[in-house]
Structures are given as C-alpha cells and as structure tokens.
Amino acid sequence: MSLWEKWEREKLERMGVKVERKSDVDIRDARPKANLRKQSLAVVLAILTCFIVVYVVLILDNMYSGRWSDFPLVRSLAGIMEKRMDEGRTFR
C-alpha cells in the first residue's frame, strides 16, 4: 500500500466512512507448540544410548581384565602423549 492510499483511507475514516482494511500480513504464533512424543522419544533414546555405552565399556573392561593399557586405542593415545612430553622436554 502506498502512502497516498494510506492518507486517503485515514481521511475517509475521519469523515466517518467505514473503510475495509486489507492486510497481506499472516500472523502466526512465534514458536510452534512442543511435540511431547518427539521430546519423550529423544529422552528415552538418550538414556538408552547411555546404558548401551556403559554396557560396552563394562564388556571391554571385562575383556581386558581391568588393564586398559592393553586396549589398542589407549596404547596409541598414551604413545602420542609420551611423544609430545618428550618433545616438550627436548625443546626447553
């Protein structure tokens, strides 16, 4: 709507003429309502994932009988850390 149309409409309203207002604006809620099913499913899946991770860790602990240094990933990480510490000592 142009400014001229707005002024004409306001002038007619002041004169007492009933003017129909057109609006291209679609007003909606800013936030959609929460979906309780999706949220509860996400919480249940997160808890289930935590239980599965703990179960896998317990199985790995049982396989390596509490000696995590035998686990290949831990060995590689420990080797990288030792290498970095040795480089730090020689750098000084």
N, C-alpha and C. Protein backbone atom coordinates (compact mmCIF):
# COMPACT_ATOMS: atom_id res chain seq x y z
N MET A 1 0.85 -1.17 0.00
CA MET A 1 0.00 0.00 0.00
C MET A 1 0.90 1.24 0.00
N SER A 2 0.51 2.16 -0.84
CA SER A 2 1.30 3.39 -0.93
C SER A 2 0.89 4.35 0.19
N LEU A 3 1.72 5.33 0.37
CA LEU A 3 1.45 6.33 1.40
C LEU A 3 0.19 7.13 1.04
N TRP A 4 0.01 7.38 -0.26
CA TRP A 4 -1.18 8.12 -0.70
C TRP A 4 -2.46 7.37 -0.33
N GLU A 5 -2.45 6.04 -0.57
CA GLU A 5 -3.62 5.23 -0.23
C GLU A 5 -3.89 5.26 1.27
N LYS A 6 -2.82 5.25 2.03
CA LYS A 6 -2.98 5.30 3.49
C LYS A 6 -3.61 6.62 3.91
N TRP A 7 -3.13 7.71 3.35
CA TRP A 7 -3.69 9.01 3.69
C TRP A 7 -5.16 9.09 3.28
N GLU A 8 -5.50 8.59 2.10
CA GLU A 8 -6.89 8.62 1.65
C GLU A 8 -7.77 7.79 2.58
N ARG A 9 -7.29 6.64 2.99
CA ARG A 9 -8.06 5.78 3.89
C ARG A 9 -8.27 6.49 5.24
N GLU A 10 -7.20 7.11 5.78
CA GLU A 10 -7.33 7.82 7.06
C GLU A 10 -8.29 9.00 6.94
N LYS A 11 -8.25 9.68 5.79
CA LYS A 11 -9.15 10.82 5.58
C LYS A 11 -10.60 10.35 5.56
N LEU A 12 -10.86 9.23 4.88
CA LEU A 12 -12.23 8.70 4.83
C LEU A 12 -12.68 8.24 6.22
N GLU A 13 -11.76 7.66 7.00
CA GLU A 13 -12.13 7.23 8.35
C GLU A 13 -12.49 8.41 9.22
N ARG A 14 -11.73 9.52 9.07
CA ARG A 14 -12.03 10.72 9.86
C ARG A 14 -13.39 11.32 9.48
N MET A 15 -13.75 11.12 8.22
CA MET A 15 -15.05 11.64 7.76
C MET A 15 -16.18 10.74 8.21
N GLY A 16 -15.86 9.58 8.75
CA GLY A 16 -16.89 8.69 9.26
C GLY A 16 -17.26 7.58 8.29
N VAL A 17 -16.57 7.48 7.18
CA VAL A 17 -16.85 6.43 6.21
C VAL A 17 -16.15 5.16 6.68
N LYS A 18 -16.91 4.07 6.65
CA LYS A 18 -16.33 2.81 7.07
C LYS A 18 -15.45 2.27 5.94
N VAL A 19 -14.16 2.07 6.25
CA VAL A 19 -13.20 1.63 5.25
C VAL A 19 -12.73 0.23 5.61
N GLU A 20 -12.75 -0.63 4.59
CA GLU A 20 -12.27 -2.01 4.81
C GLU A 20 -10.74 -2.02 4.77
N ARG A 21 -10.18 -2.68 5.76
CA ARG A 21 -8.71 -2.75 5.83
C ARG A 21 -8.24 -4.05 5.22
N LYS A 22 -7.31 -3.93 4.26
CA LYS A 22 -6.70 -5.10 3.66
C LYS A 22 -5.33 -5.30 4.31
N SER A 23 -5.04 -6.55 4.57
CA SER A 23 -3.74 -6.84 5.18
C SER A 23 -3.13 -8.06 4.51
N ASP A 24 -1.89 -7.93 4.08
CA ASP A 24 -1.15 -9.04 3.49
C ASP A 24 -0.35 -9.80 4.53
N VAL A 25 -0.47 -9.39 5.77
CA VAL A 25 0.32 -9.99 6.84
C VAL A 25 -0.43 -11.18 7.41
N ASP A 26 0.26 -12.30 7.51
CA ASP A 26 -0.31 -13.51 8.11
C ASP A 26 0.31 -13.66 9.49
N ILE A 27 -0.48 -13.48 10.53
CA ILE A 27 0.03 -13.52 11.89
C ILE A 27 -0.08 -14.94 12.42
N ARG A 28 1.05 -15.46 12.89
CA ARG A 28 1.10 -16.81 13.46
C ARG A 28 1.85 -16.77 14.78
N ASP A 29 1.73 -17.88 15.53
CA ASP A 29 2.50 -17.98 16.76
C ASP A 29 3.98 -18.00 16.42
N ALA A 30 4.78 -17.36 17.26
CA ALA A 30 6.22 -17.29 17.00
C ALA A 30 6.86 -18.66 17.18
N ARG A 31 6.43 -19.40 18.16
CA ARG A 31 7.01 -20.71 18.42
C ARG A 31 5.95 -21.79 18.22
N PRO A 32 6.33 -22.83 17.49
CA PRO A 32 5.38 -23.94 17.37
C PRO A 32 5.26 -24.68 18.71
N LYS A 33 4.13 -25.26 18.93
CA LYS A 33 3.93 -25.99 20.18
C LYS A 33 4.84 -27.21 20.23
N ALA A 34 5.31 -27.52 21.41
CA ALA A 34 6.23 -28.64 21.58
C ALA A 34 5.51 -29.96 21.32
N ASN A 35 6.21 -30.85 20.63
CA ASN A 35 5.67 -32.17 20.36
C ASN A 35 6.16 -33.09 21.47
N LEU A 36 5.26 -33.47 22.35
CA LEU A 36 5.62 -34.27 23.52
C LEU A 36 6.15 -35.64 23.13
N ARG A 37 5.62 -36.22 22.07
CA ARG A 37 6.11 -37.53 21.63
C ARG A 37 7.55 -37.48 21.18
N LYS A 38 7.90 -36.47 20.39
CA LYS A 38 9.27 -36.35 19.91
C LYS A 38 10.24 -36.10 21.07
N GLN A 39 9.84 -35.25 21.99
CA GLN A 39 10.72 -34.95 23.12
C GLN A 39 10.91 -36.16 24.00
N SER A 40 9.85 -36.89 24.28
CA SER A 40 9.99 -38.08 25.13
C SER A 40 10.79 -39.16 24.41
N LEU A 41 10.63 -39.29 23.10
CA LEU A 41 11.42 -40.25 22.33
C LEU A 41 12.90 -39.89 22.38
N ALA A 42 13.22 -38.60 22.28
CA ALA A 42 14.61 -38.17 22.35
C ALA A 42 15.22 -38.48 23.72
N VAL A 43 14.46 -38.25 24.79
CA VAL A 43 14.96 -38.53 26.13
C VAL A 43 15.18 -40.02 26.33
N VAL A 44 14.22 -40.83 25.88
CA VAL A 44 14.35 -42.28 26.02
C VAL A 44 15.54 -42.79 25.22
N LEU A 45 15.73 -42.28 24.00
CA LEU A 45 16.87 -42.71 23.19
C LEU A 45 18.20 -42.28 23.82
N ALA A 46 18.25 -41.10 24.42
CA ALA A 46 19.48 -40.65 25.08
C ALA A 46 19.81 -41.55 26.27
N ILE A 47 18.80 -41.89 27.07
CA ILE A 47 19.04 -42.77 28.22
C ILE A 47 19.47 -44.16 27.76
N LEU A 48 18.80 -44.66 26.72
CA LEU A 48 19.14 -45.97 26.17
C LEU A 48 20.57 -45.98 25.62
N THR A 49 20.95 -44.92 24.95
CA THR A 49 22.31 -44.80 24.44
C THR A 49 23.33 -44.80 25.57
N CYS A 50 23.04 -44.11 26.66
CA CYS A 50 23.94 -44.09 27.81
C CYS A 50 24.11 -45.50 28.39
N PHE A 51 22.99 -46.22 28.51
CA PHE A 51 23.08 -47.60 29.02
C PHE A 51 23.90 -48.49 28.10
N ILE A 52 23.73 -48.33 26.80
CA ILE A 52 24.49 -49.14 25.85
C ILE A 52 25.98 -48.82 25.93
N VAL A 53 26.32 -47.55 26.05
CA VAL A 53 27.73 -47.16 26.16
C VAL A 53 28.35 -47.73 27.43
N VAL A 54 27.64 -47.65 28.54
CA VAL A 54 28.15 -48.21 29.79
C VAL A 54 28.31 -49.72 29.67
N TYR A 55 27.36 -50.38 29.03
CA TYR A 55 27.43 -51.82 28.85
C TYR A 55 28.66 -52.21 28.00
N VAL A 56 28.90 -51.47 26.93
CA VAL A 56 30.07 -51.74 26.07
C VAL A 56 31.36 -51.52 26.85
N VAL A 57 31.41 -50.46 27.63
CA VAL A 57 32.61 -50.20 28.44
C VAL A 57 32.84 -51.32 29.45
N LEU A 58 31.77 -51.80 30.07
CA LEU A 58 31.93 -52.91 31.02
C LEU A 58 32.41 -54.18 30.33
N ILE A 59 31.90 -54.44 29.13
CA ILE A 59 32.36 -55.61 28.38
C ILE A 59 33.84 -55.47 28.03
N LEU A 60 34.25 -54.28 27.57
CA LEU A 60 35.66 -54.07 27.24
C LEU A 60 36.53 -54.20 28.48
N ASP A 61 36.05 -53.69 29.60
CA ASP A 61 36.80 -53.80 30.85
C ASP A 61 36.95 -55.27 31.24
N ASN A 62 35.91 -56.05 31.02
CA ASN A 62 35.97 -57.47 31.34
C ASN A 62 36.92 -58.20 30.38
N MET A 63 36.90 -57.80 29.10
CA MET A 63 37.77 -58.45 28.11
C MET A 63 39.25 -58.20 28.41
N TYR A 64 39.55 -56.99 28.81
CA TYR A 64 40.95 -56.64 29.07
C TYR A 64 41.28 -56.72 30.56
N SER A 65 40.44 -57.32 31.32
CA SER A 65 40.60 -57.59 32.76
C SER A 65 41.13 -56.39 33.55
N GLY A 66 40.57 -55.23 33.26
CA GLY A 66 40.90 -54.05 34.05
C GLY A 66 42.21 -53.40 33.65
N ARG A 67 42.94 -53.94 32.70
CA ARG A 67 44.20 -53.32 32.26
C ARG A 67 43.93 -52.58 30.95
N TRP A 68 43.60 -51.34 31.08
CA TRP A 68 43.25 -50.54 29.91
C TRP A 68 44.47 -50.25 29.04
N SER A 69 45.65 -50.43 29.58
CA SER A 69 46.84 -50.17 28.76
C SER A 69 46.98 -51.20 27.65
N ASP A 70 46.28 -52.34 27.73
CA ASP A 70 46.31 -53.34 26.67
C ASP A 70 45.36 -52.99 25.52
N PHE A 71 44.46 -52.09 25.74
CA PHE A 71 43.50 -51.71 24.71
C PHE A 71 44.22 -50.90 23.63
N PRO A 72 44.08 -51.24 22.36
CA PRO A 72 44.85 -50.58 21.29
C PRO A 72 44.66 -49.06 21.23
N LEU A 73 43.46 -48.57 21.41
CA LEU A 73 43.24 -47.13 21.35
C LEU A 73 43.95 -46.42 22.49
N VAL A 74 43.89 -46.99 23.68
CA VAL A 74 44.55 -46.38 24.84
C VAL A 74 46.07 -46.41 24.64
N ARG A 75 46.59 -47.52 24.08
CA ARG A 75 48.03 -47.59 23.82
C ARG A 75 48.48 -46.51 22.86
N SER A 76 47.70 -46.29 21.79
CA SER A 76 48.09 -45.26 20.81
C SER A 76 48.01 -43.86 21.42
N LEU A 77 46.97 -43.60 22.21
CA LEU A 77 46.86 -42.28 22.85
C LEU A 77 47.99 -42.05 23.86
N ALA A 78 48.33 -43.09 24.62
CA ALA A 78 49.42 -42.97 25.58
C ALA A 78 50.75 -42.74 24.86
N GLY A 79 50.93 -43.41 23.72
CA GLY A 79 52.15 -43.21 22.94
C GLY A 79 52.25 -41.79 22.41
N ILE A 80 51.15 -41.25 21.92
CA ILE A 80 51.13 -39.87 21.42
C ILE A 80 51.45 -38.90 22.55
N MET A 81 50.87 -39.12 23.72
CA MET A 81 51.12 -38.22 24.85
C MET A 81 52.58 -38.29 25.30
N GLU A 82 53.15 -39.49 25.35
CA GLU A 82 54.55 -39.63 25.73
C GLU A 82 55.46 -38.95 24.72
N LYS A 83 55.13 -39.08 23.44
CA LYS A 83 55.92 -38.44 22.39
C LYS A 83 55.89 -36.93 22.55
N ARG A 84 54.73 -36.38 22.81
CA ARG A 84 54.60 -34.93 23.00
C ARG A 84 55.36 -34.46 24.24
N MET A 85 55.30 -35.25 25.30
CA MET A 85 56.02 -34.87 26.52
C MET A 85 57.52 -34.91 26.28
N ASP A 86 58.01 -35.91 25.55
CA ASP A 86 59.44 -35.97 25.23
C ASP A 86 59.86 -34.80 24.36
N GLU A 87 59.04 -34.44 23.39
CA GLU A 87 59.36 -33.29 22.55
C GLU A 87 59.37 -32.02 23.35
N GLY A 88 58.45 -31.91 24.32
CA GLY A 88 58.43 -30.72 25.17
C GLY A 88 59.66 -30.62 26.05
N ARG A 89 60.16 -31.75 26.52
CA ARG A 89 61.36 -31.72 27.36
C ARG A 89 62.59 -31.35 26.54
N THR A 90 62.69 -31.85 25.31
CA THR A 90 63.86 -31.54 24.49
C THR A 90 63.80 -30.15 23.94
N PHE A 91 62.64 -29.55 23.86
CA PHE A 91 62.50 -28.19 23.32
C PHE A 91 63.05 -27.15 24.28
N ARG A 92 62.99 -27.40 25.57
CA ARG A 92 63.44 -26.42 26.57
C ARG A 92 64.88 -26.29 26.46
